[in-house]
Amino acid sequence: MTALLDRLAADRVPNGLRLLDLCCCSGGAGAGYWAAGWDVVGVDLVPRPRYPFESVQADAVAYVTEHGHEFDLIHASWPCQHRAAITAGTNRHLRDTYPDLLPAGRAAMLGTGQPWVIETTGCRRDVELCGTMFGLPLLRHRRFEVHGWLPMAPPHTPHRGYVRGWRHGVYREGEYVAVYGKGGGKATVPEMQQALGIDWTDVHEELTEAIPPAYTRFLGEQAAVQLAPEAAA
């Protein structure tokens, strides 16, 4: 294990529940659920050798259709580029080069009959989390759509100060770091790792897309309480 995974493992209490982590990338989301006690299996279309848990290379929609019923909770971070701001405006011509898996993915997850979580641009905002809620030095807002259980969110701490770097021709120091892009004062890979709480990958692309494990640990702890067999008794 890496240093940060060891830290997550220090007070981990296995809960006997299984989590399917679709479109798992490097495992930011999966690590949070794992720290909350879940046994995690990741699925991604491309090889993810740095993913720290059991993983399968497969089409996520096909896999959840066939195997989703075998898990107690399903998490999916469906690719967001089709709906993201980066493919709007002058880049709109690029939109159709990215698949829009949200409708098909949501339908496949519903078909399993199991509770689930979706995190992607365009999903319903049942819960929105930000790094400030967990004492992280980053403003990474992520929305989560849930089905079959009901999480709560902590208060959204007001943003104070600046994100370090250049903006509109002005450079500012700040307590937050930009964990996207390169240059212009944006976070280096080691800074991104520290801010996100992820040290098992040093791939820039994987870090820029990662969910901080603190987010899904928070969700996973609540889900375990609600979805454990004794909770339904």
C-alpha atoms as a PDB file:
ATOM      1  CA  MET A   1       0.000   0.000   0.000  1.00  0.00           C
ATOM      2  CA  THR A   2       0.960   3.636  -0.370  1.00  0.00           C
ATOM      3  CA  ALA A   3       1.270   6.078   2.509  1.00  0.00           C
ATOM      4  CA  LEU A   4      -2.160   7.617   1.945  1.00  0.00           C
ATOM      5  CA  LEU A   5      -3.861   4.223   1.547  1.00  0.00           C
ATOM      6  CA  ASP A   6      -2.192   3.135   4.786  1.00  0.00           C
ATOM      7  CA  ARG A   7      -3.648   6.218   6.440  1.00  0.00           C
ATOM      8  CA  LEU A   8      -7.114   5.395   5.097  1.00  0.00           C
ATOM      9  CA  ALA A   9      -6.729   1.812   6.289  1.00  0.00           C
ATOM     10  CA  ALA A  10      -5.744   2.792   9.826  1.00  0.00           C
ATOM     11  CA  ASP A  11      -9.315   3.018  11.112  1.00  0.00           C
ATOM     12  CA  ARG A  12     -11.091   1.055   8.382  1.00  0.00           C
ATOM     13  CA  VAL A  13     -13.747  -1.356   9.659  1.00  0.00           C
ATOM     14  CA  PRO A  14     -14.964  -3.807   6.967  1.00  0.00           C
ATOM     15  CA  ASN A  15     -18.759  -3.803   6.736  1.00  0.00           C
ATOM     16  CA  GLY A  16     -19.243  -6.911   4.601  1.00  0.00           C
ATOM     17  CA  LEU A  17     -20.877  -4.924   1.774  1.00  0.00           C
ATOM     18  CA  ARG A  18     -19.764  -4.832  -1.875  1.00  0.00           C
ATOM     19  CA  LEU A  19     -19.392  -1.707  -4.019  1.00  0.00           C
ATOM     20  CA  LEU A  20     -19.203  -1.681  -7.819  1.00  0.00           C
ATOM     21  CA  ASP A  21     -17.116   1.274  -9.025  1.00  0.00           C
ATOM     22  CA  LEU A  22     -17.972   1.958 -12.686  1.00  0.00           C
ATOM     23  CA  CYS A  23     -15.697   4.089 -14.881  1.00  0.00           C
ATOM     24  CA  CYS A  24     -13.281   3.783 -11.992  1.00  0.00           C
ATOM     25  CA  CYS A  25     -10.230   5.541 -13.491  1.00  0.00           C
ATOM     26  CA  SER A  26      -7.465   5.629 -10.846  1.00  0.00           C
ATOM     27  CA  GLY A  27      -9.739   4.888  -7.892  1.00  0.00           C
ATOM     28  CA  GLY A  28     -10.350   8.187  -6.130  1.00  0.00           C
ATOM     29  CA  ALA A  29     -14.014   7.324  -5.589  1.00  0.00           C
ATOM     30  CA  GLY A  30     -13.277   3.675  -4.878  1.00  0.00           C
ATOM     31  CA  ALA A  31     -10.717   4.522  -2.198  1.00  0.00           C
ATOM     32  CA  GLY A  32     -13.273   6.549  -0.262  1.00  0.00           C
ATOM     33  CA  TYR A  33     -15.807   3.728  -0.245  1.00  0.00           C
ATOM     34  CA  TRP A  34     -13.062   1.263   0.697  1.00  0.00           C
ATOM     35  CA  ALA A  35     -12.027   3.465   3.626  1.00  0.00           C
ATOM     36  CA  ALA A  36     -15.686   3.437   4.725  1.00  0.00           C
ATOM     37  CA  GLY A  37     -15.532  -0.363   4.947  1.00  0.00           C
ATOM     38  CA  TRP A  38     -16.789  -1.491   1.531  1.00  0.00           C
ATOM     39  CA  ASP A  39     -15.200  -4.227  -0.577  1.00  0.00           C
ATOM     40  CA  VAL A  40     -14.621  -2.515  -3.926  1.00  0.00           C
ATOM     41  CA  VAL A  41     -14.495  -3.801  -7.505  1.00  0.00           C
ATOM     42  CA  GLY A  42     -13.637  -1.320 -10.250  1.00  0.00           C
ATOM     43  CA  VAL A  43     -14.626  -1.406 -13.923  1.00  0.00           C
ATOM     44  CA  ASP A  44     -13.105   0.664 -16.708  1.00  0.00           C
ATOM     45  CA  LEU A  45     -12.986   0.364 -20.483  1.00  0.00           C
ATOM     46  CA  VAL A  46      -9.207   0.913 -20.578  1.00  0.00           C
ATOM     47  CA  PRO A  47      -6.469  -0.644 -18.433  1.00  0.00           C
ATOM     48  CA  ARG A  48      -6.026   1.093 -15.070  1.00  0.00           C
ATOM     49  CA  PRO A  49      -2.864  -0.474 -13.630  1.00  0.00           C
ATOM     50  CA  ARG A  50      -2.731   2.011 -10.744  1.00  0.00           C
ATOM     51  CA  TYR A  51      -6.233   1.200  -9.514  1.00  0.00           C
ATOM     52  CA  PRO A  52      -5.548  -0.085  -5.985  1.00  0.00           C
ATOM     53  CA  PHE A  53      -8.360  -2.650  -5.690  1.00  0.00           C
ATOM     54  CA  GLU A  54      -9.804  -5.556  -7.639  1.00  0.00           C
ATOM     55  CA  SER A  55     -10.685  -4.384 -11.137  1.00  0.00           C
ATOM     56  CA  VAL A  56     -12.130  -5.567 -14.432  1.00  0.00           C
ATOM     57  CA  GLN A  57     -11.478  -4.163 -17.892  1.00  0.00           C
ATOM     58  CA  ALA A  58     -14.904  -4.061 -19.515  1.00  0.00           C
ATOM     59  CA  ASP A  59     -17.649  -1.872 -20.921  1.00  0.00           C
ATOM     60  CA  ALA A  60     -19.299  -0.361 -17.841  1.00  0.00           C
ATOM     61  CA  VAL A  61     -22.874  -0.411 -19.180  1.00  0.00           C
ATOM     62  CA  ALA A  62     -22.595  -4.043 -20.238  1.00  0.00           C
ATOM     63  CA  TYR A  63     -20.912  -5.039 -16.976  1.00  0.00           C
ATOM     64  CA  VAL A  64     -23.483  -3.422 -14.700  1.00  0.00           C
ATOM     65  CA  THR A  65     -26.287  -4.930 -16.770  1.00  0.00           C
ATOM     66  CA  GLU A  66     -24.867  -8.417 -16.245  1.00  0.00           C
ATOM     67  CA  HIS A  67     -23.352  -8.152 -12.769  1.00  0.00           C
ATOM     68  CA  GLY A  68     -24.823  -5.118 -11.016  1.00  0.00           C
ATOM     69  CA  HIS A  69     -27.304  -7.203  -9.024  1.00  0.00           C
ATOM     70  CA  GLU A  70     -24.349  -8.910  -7.306  1.00  0.00           C
ATOM     71  CA  PHE A  71     -23.388  -5.722  -5.443  1.00  0.00           C
ATOM     72  CA  ASP A  72     -24.932  -3.866  -2.504  1.00  0.00           C
ATOM     73  CA  LEU A  73     -24.261  -0.399  -3.979  1.00  0.00           C
ATOM     74  CA  ILE A  74     -23.223   0.812  -7.419  1.00  0.00           C
ATOM     75  CA  HIS A  75     -21.223   3.987  -8.048  1.00  0.00           C
ATOM     76  CA  ALA A  76     -20.758   5.350 -11.570  1.00  0.00           C
ATOM     77  CA  SER A  77     -18.706   8.326 -12.714  1.00  0.00           C
ATOM     78  CA  TRP A  78     -19.998   8.321 -16.278  1.00  0.00           C
ATOM     79  CA  PRO A  79     -17.728  10.336 -18.640  1.00  0.00           C
ATOM     80  CA  CYS A  80     -18.686  13.998 -18.498  1.00  0.00           C
ATOM     81  CA  GLN A  81     -16.988  15.535 -21.550  1.00  0.00           C
ATOM     82  CA  HIS A  82     -20.128  15.399 -23.717  1.00  0.00           C
ATOM     83  CA  ARG A  83     -21.979  17.669 -21.277  1.00  0.00           C
ATOM     84  CA  ALA A  84     -19.077  19.648 -19.836  1.00  0.00           C
ATOM     85  CA  ALA A  85     -18.250  23.315 -20.372  1.00  0.00           C
ATOM     86  CA  ILE A  86     -15.084  22.305 -22.231  1.00  0.00           C
ATOM     87  CA  THR A  87     -17.242  21.113 -25.157  1.00  0.00           C
ATOM     88  CA  ALA A  88     -19.537  24.133 -25.170  1.00  0.00           C
ATOM     89  CA  GLY A  89     -19.194  27.343 -27.127  1.00  0.00           C
ATOM     90  CA  THR A  90     -16.254  27.356 -29.517  1.00  0.00           C
ATOM     91  CA  ASN A  91     -15.524  23.705 -28.738  1.00  0.00           C
ATOM     92  CA  ARG A  92     -19.070  22.554 -29.416  1.00  0.00           C
ATOM     93  CA  HIS A  93     -17.895  20.728 -32.537  1.00  0.00           C
ATOM     94  CA  LEU A  94     -16.013  18.315 -30.243  1.00  0.00           C
ATOM     95  CA  ARG A  95     -19.085  17.333 -28.228  1.00  0.00           C
ATOM     96  CA  ASP A  96     -20.162  14.442 -30.413  1.00  0.00           C
ATOM     97  CA  THR A  97     -16.668  12.931 -30.282  1.00  0.00           C
ATOM     98  CA  TYR A  98     -17.371  11.983 -26.657  1.00  0.00           C
ATOM     99  CA  PRO A  99     -20.003   9.389 -25.723  1.00  0.00           C
ATOM    100  CA  ASP A 100     -23.004  10.427 -23.658  1.00  0.00           C
ATOM    101  CA  LEU A 101     -23.302   7.402 -21.380  1.00  0.00           C
ATOM    102  CA  LEU A 102     -25.492   8.983 -18.708  1.00  0.00           C
ATOM    103  CA  PRO A 103     -28.935   7.960 -20.104  1.00  0.00           C
ATOM    104  CA  ALA A 104     -27.926   4.380 -20.951  1.00  0.00           C
ATOM    105  CA  GLY A 105     -25.893   4.053 -17.777  1.00  0.00           C
ATOM    106  CA  ARG A 106     -28.705   5.275 -15.548  1.00  0.00           C
ATOM    107  CA  ALA A 107     -31.161   2.906 -17.231  1.00  0.00           C
ATOM    108  CA  ALA A 108     -28.798  -0.038 -16.769  1.00  0.00           C
ATOM    109  CA  MET A 109     -28.297   0.812 -13.097  1.00  0.00           C
ATOM    110  CA  LEU A 110     -32.049   1.065 -12.545  1.00  0.00           C
ATOM    111  CA  GLY A 111     -32.431  -2.346 -14.126  1.00  0.00           C
ATOM    112  CA  THR A 112     -30.289  -3.966 -11.442  1.00  0.00           C
ATOM    113  CA  GLY A 113     -32.791  -3.172  -8.705  1.00  0.00           C
ATOM    114  CA  GLN A 114     -29.906  -2.059  -6.495  1.00  0.00           C
ATOM    115  CA  PRO A 115     -29.217   1.328  -4.858  1.00  0.00           C
ATOM    116  CA  TRP A 116     -26.728   3.525  -6.644  1.00  0.00           C
ATOM    117  CA  VAL A 117     -24.791   6.767  -6.906  1.00  0.00           C
ATOM    118  CA  ILE A 118     -24.056   8.689 -10.111  1.00  0.00           C
ATOM    119  CA  GLU A 119     -21.407  11.405 -10.276  1.00  0.00           C
ATOM    120  CA  THR A 120     -21.122  13.292 -13.553  1.00  0.00           C
ATOM    121  CA  THR A 121     -21.975  16.564 -15.253  1.00  0.00           C
ATOM    122  CA  GLY A 122     -25.678  16.659 -16.003  1.00  0.00           C
ATOM    123  CA  CYS A 123     -26.824  14.263 -13.311  1.00  0.00           C
ATOM    124  CA  ARG A 124     -29.371  15.283 -10.693  1.00  0.00           C
ATOM    125  CA  ARG A 125     -27.910  17.328  -7.824  1.00  0.00           C
ATOM    126  CA  ASP A 126     -29.208  15.348  -4.846  1.00  0.00           C
ATOM    127  CA  VAL A 127     -25.988  16.121  -2.978  1.00  0.00           C
ATOM    128  CA  GLU A 128     -23.162  18.469  -3.924  1.00  0.00           C
ATOM    129  CA  LEU A 129     -19.791  18.253  -2.200  1.00  0.00           C
ATOM    130  CA  CYS A 130     -16.792  20.581  -2.222  1.00  0.00           C
ATOM    131  CA  GLY A 131     -13.264  20.279  -0.904  1.00  0.00           C
ATOM    132  CA  THR A 132     -13.879  23.017   1.652  1.00  0.00           C
ATOM    133  CA  MET A 133     -16.353  20.719   3.440  1.00  0.00           C
ATOM    134  CA  PHE A 134     -13.503  18.348   4.246  1.00  0.00           C
ATOM    135  CA  GLY A 135     -10.680  20.777   4.897  1.00  0.00           C
ATOM    136  CA  LEU A 136      -9.104  20.167   1.484  1.00  0.00           C
ATOM    137  CA  PRO A 137      -7.306  23.049  -0.271  1.00  0.00           C
ATOM    138  CA  LEU A 138      -9.322  22.801  -3.462  1.00  0.00           C
ATOM    139  CA  LEU A 139     -12.639  24.004  -4.844  1.00  0.00           C
ATOM    140  CA  ARG A 140     -13.717  20.808  -6.581  1.00  0.00           C
ATOM    141  CA  HIS A 141     -17.505  20.772  -6.651  1.00  0.00           C
ATOM    142  CA  ARG A 142     -19.056  17.423  -7.494  1.00  0.00           C
ATOM    143  CA  ARG A 143     -22.766  16.630  -7.756  1.00  0.00           C
ATOM    144  CA  PHE A 144     -24.152  13.203  -6.864  1.00  0.00           C
ATOM    145  CA  GLU A 145     -27.441  11.635  -7.929  1.00  0.00           C
ATOM    146  CA  VAL A 146     -28.608   8.834  -5.644  1.00  0.00           C
ATOM    147  CA  HIS A 147     -31.249   6.114  -5.812  1.00  0.00           C
ATOM    148  CA  GLY A 148     -32.477   3.748  -3.124  1.00  0.00           C
ATOM    149  CA  TRP A 149     -31.022   5.606  -0.130  1.00  0.00           C
ATOM    150  CA  LEU A 150     -30.802   9.192   1.114  1.00  0.00           C
ATOM    151  CA  PRO A 151     -27.495  10.872   2.026  1.00  0.00           C
ATOM    152  CA  MET A 152     -27.053  14.217   3.721  1.00  0.00           C
ATOM    153  CA  ALA A 153     -24.339  16.794   3.030  1.00  0.00           C
ATOM    154  CA  PRO A 154     -22.329  18.865   5.514  1.00  0.00           C
ATOM    155  CA  PRO A 155     -22.611  22.666   5.449  1.00  0.00           C
ATOM    156  CA  HIS A 156     -20.838  24.225   2.484  1.00  0.00           C
ATOM    157  CA  THR A 157     -18.018  26.244   4.018  1.00  0.00           C
ATOM    158  CA  PRO A 158     -17.788  29.663   2.326  1.00  0.00           C
ATOM    159  CA  HIS A 159     -14.870  29.982  -0.056  1.00  0.00           C
ATOM    160  CA  ARG A 160     -12.253  32.324   1.359  1.00  0.00           C
ATOM    161  CA  GLY A 161      -9.398  33.780  -0.622  1.00  0.00           C
ATOM    162  CA  TYR A 162      -8.147  32.854  -4.067  1.00  0.00           C
ATOM    163  CA  VAL A 163      -7.150  29.833  -6.076  1.00  0.00           C
ATOM    164  CA  ARG A 164      -3.428  30.236  -6.642  1.00  0.00           C
ATOM    165  CA  GLY A 165      -2.395  31.180 -10.156  1.00  0.00           C
ATOM    166  CA  TRP A 166      -3.088  33.482 -13.077  1.00  0.00           C
ATOM    167  CA  ARG A 167      -6.607  34.619 -13.875  1.00  0.00           C
ATOM    168  CA  HIS A 168      -7.543  37.404 -16.297  1.00  0.00           C
ATOM    169  CA  GLY A 169      -3.907  38.472 -16.512  1.00  0.00           C
ATOM    170  CA  VAL A 170      -3.435  38.769 -12.741  1.00  0.00           C
ATOM    171  CA  TYR A 171      -1.426  36.355 -10.586  1.00  0.00           C
ATOM    172  CA  ARG A 172      -2.630  35.779  -7.054  1.00  0.00           C
ATOM    173  CA  GLU A 173      -1.452  33.651  -4.200  1.00  0.00           C
ATOM    174  CA  GLY A 174      -4.188  31.712  -2.460  1.00  0.00           C
ATOM    175  CA  GLU A 175      -4.943  28.918  -0.043  1.00  0.00           C
ATOM    176  CA  TYR A 176      -6.569  26.808  -2.763  1.00  0.00           C
ATOM    177  CA  VAL A 177      -4.767  25.053  -5.615  1.00  0.00           C
ATOM    178  CA  ALA A 178      -6.025  24.366  -9.141  1.00  0.00           C
ATOM    179  CA  VAL A 179      -6.036  20.618  -9.756  1.00  0.00           C
ATOM    180  CA  TYR A 180      -6.609  20.919 -13.493  1.00  0.00           C
ATOM    181  CA  GLY A 181      -4.567  22.055 -16.462  1.00  0.00           C
ATOM    182  CA  LYS A 182      -0.877  22.867 -16.464  1.00  0.00           C
ATOM    183  CA  GLY A 183       1.210  25.989 -15.981  1.00  0.00           C
ATOM    184  CA  GLY A 184       0.053  29.391 -14.872  1.00  0.00           C
ATOM    185  CA  GLY A 185       0.507  28.612 -11.197  1.00  0.00           C
ATOM    186  CA  LYS A 186      -1.661  25.506 -11.298  1.00  0.00           C
ATOM    187  CA  ALA A 187      -0.842  22.668  -8.928  1.00  0.00           C
ATOM    188  CA  THR A 188       2.085  20.391  -9.653  1.00  0.00           C
ATOM    189  CA  VAL A 189       1.499  16.639  -9.591  1.00  0.00           C
ATOM    190  CA  PRO A 190       2.795  16.317  -5.991  1.00  0.00           C
ATOM    191  CA  GLU A 191       0.572  19.226  -4.935  1.00  0.00           C
ATOM    192  CA  MET A 192      -2.416  17.618  -6.639  1.00  0.00           C
ATOM    193  CA  GLN A 193      -1.734  14.323  -4.892  1.00  0.00           C
ATOM    194  CA  GLN A 194      -1.577  16.021  -1.516  1.00  0.00           C
ATOM    195  CA  ALA A 195      -4.670  18.159  -2.083  1.00  0.00           C
ATOM    196  CA  LEU A 196      -6.790  15.256  -3.345  1.00  0.00           C
ATOM    197  CA  GLY A 197      -5.525  12.670  -0.874  1.00  0.00           C
ATOM    198  CA  ILE A 198      -4.339  10.345  -3.671  1.00  0.00           C
ATOM    199  CA  ASP A 199      -0.754   9.096  -3.966  1.00  0.00           C
ATOM    200  CA  TRP A 200      -1.149   5.776  -5.806  1.00  0.00           C
ATOM    201  CA  THR A 201      -1.128   7.494  -9.195  1.00  0.00           C
ATOM    202  CA  ASP A 202       1.094  10.256 -10.527  1.00  0.00           C
ATOM    203  CA  VAL A 203      -0.645  10.441 -13.908  1.00  0.00           C
ATOM    204  CA  HIS A 204      -1.730  14.041 -14.438  1.00  0.00           C
ATOM    205  CA  GLU A 205      -4.869  13.147 -16.413  1.00  0.00           C
ATOM    206  CA  GLU A 206      -6.051  10.693 -13.756  1.00  0.00           C
ATOM    207  CA  LEU A 207      -5.547  13.242 -10.989  1.00  0.00           C
ATOM    208  CA  THR A 208      -7.382  16.014 -12.838  1.00  0.00           C
ATOM    209  CA  GLU A 209     -10.452  13.760 -13.151  1.00  0.00           C
ATOM    210  CA  ALA A 210     -10.320  12.178  -9.687  1.00  0.00           C
ATOM    211  CA  ILE A 211     -12.927  12.432  -6.967  1.00  0.00           C
ATOM    212  CA  PRO A 212     -11.226  13.091  -3.613  1.00  0.00           C
ATOM    213  CA  PRO A 213     -11.664   9.956  -1.472  1.00  0.00           C
ATOM    214  CA  ALA A 214     -12.970  12.157   1.354  1.00  0.00           C
ATOM    215  CA  TYR A 215     -16.165  12.709  -0.664  1.00  0.00           C
ATOM    216  CA  THR A 216     -17.049   9.063  -1.163  1.00  0.00           C
ATOM    217  CA  ARG A 217     -15.908   8.038   2.289  1.00  0.00           C
ATOM    218  CA  PHE A 218     -18.487  10.481   3.616  1.00  0.00           C
ATOM    219  CA  LEU A 219     -21.159   9.025   1.310  1.00  0.00           C
ATOM    220  CA  GLY A 220     -20.071   5.439   1.864  1.00  0.00           C
ATOM    221  CA  GLU A 221     -20.334   5.686   5.636  1.00  0.00           C
ATOM    222  CA  GLN A 222     -23.922   6.896   5.343  1.00  0.00           C
ATOM    223  CA  ALA A 223     -24.809   4.281   2.743  1.00  0.00           C
ATOM    224  CA  ALA A 224     -23.443   1.479   4.906  1.00  0.00           C
ATOM    225  CA  VAL A 225     -25.642   2.517   7.814  1.00  0.00           C
ATOM    226  CA  GLN A 226     -28.742   2.643   5.633  1.00  0.00           C
ATOM    227  CA  LEU A 227     -28.106  -0.404   3.456  1.00  0.00           C
ATOM    228  CA  ALA A 228     -26.639  -2.908   5.929  1.00  0.00           C
ATOM    229  CA  PRO A 229     -28.883  -5.979   6.412  1.00  0.00           C
ATOM    230  CA  GLU A 230     -29.610  -5.051  10.019  1.00  0.00           C
ATOM    231  CA  ALA A 231     -30.865  -1.640   8.862  1.00  0.00           C
ATOM    232  CA  ALA A 232     -33.575  -3.358   6.816  1.00  0.00           C
ATOM    233  CA  ALA A 233     -34.564  -5.725   9.600  1.00  0.00           C
END
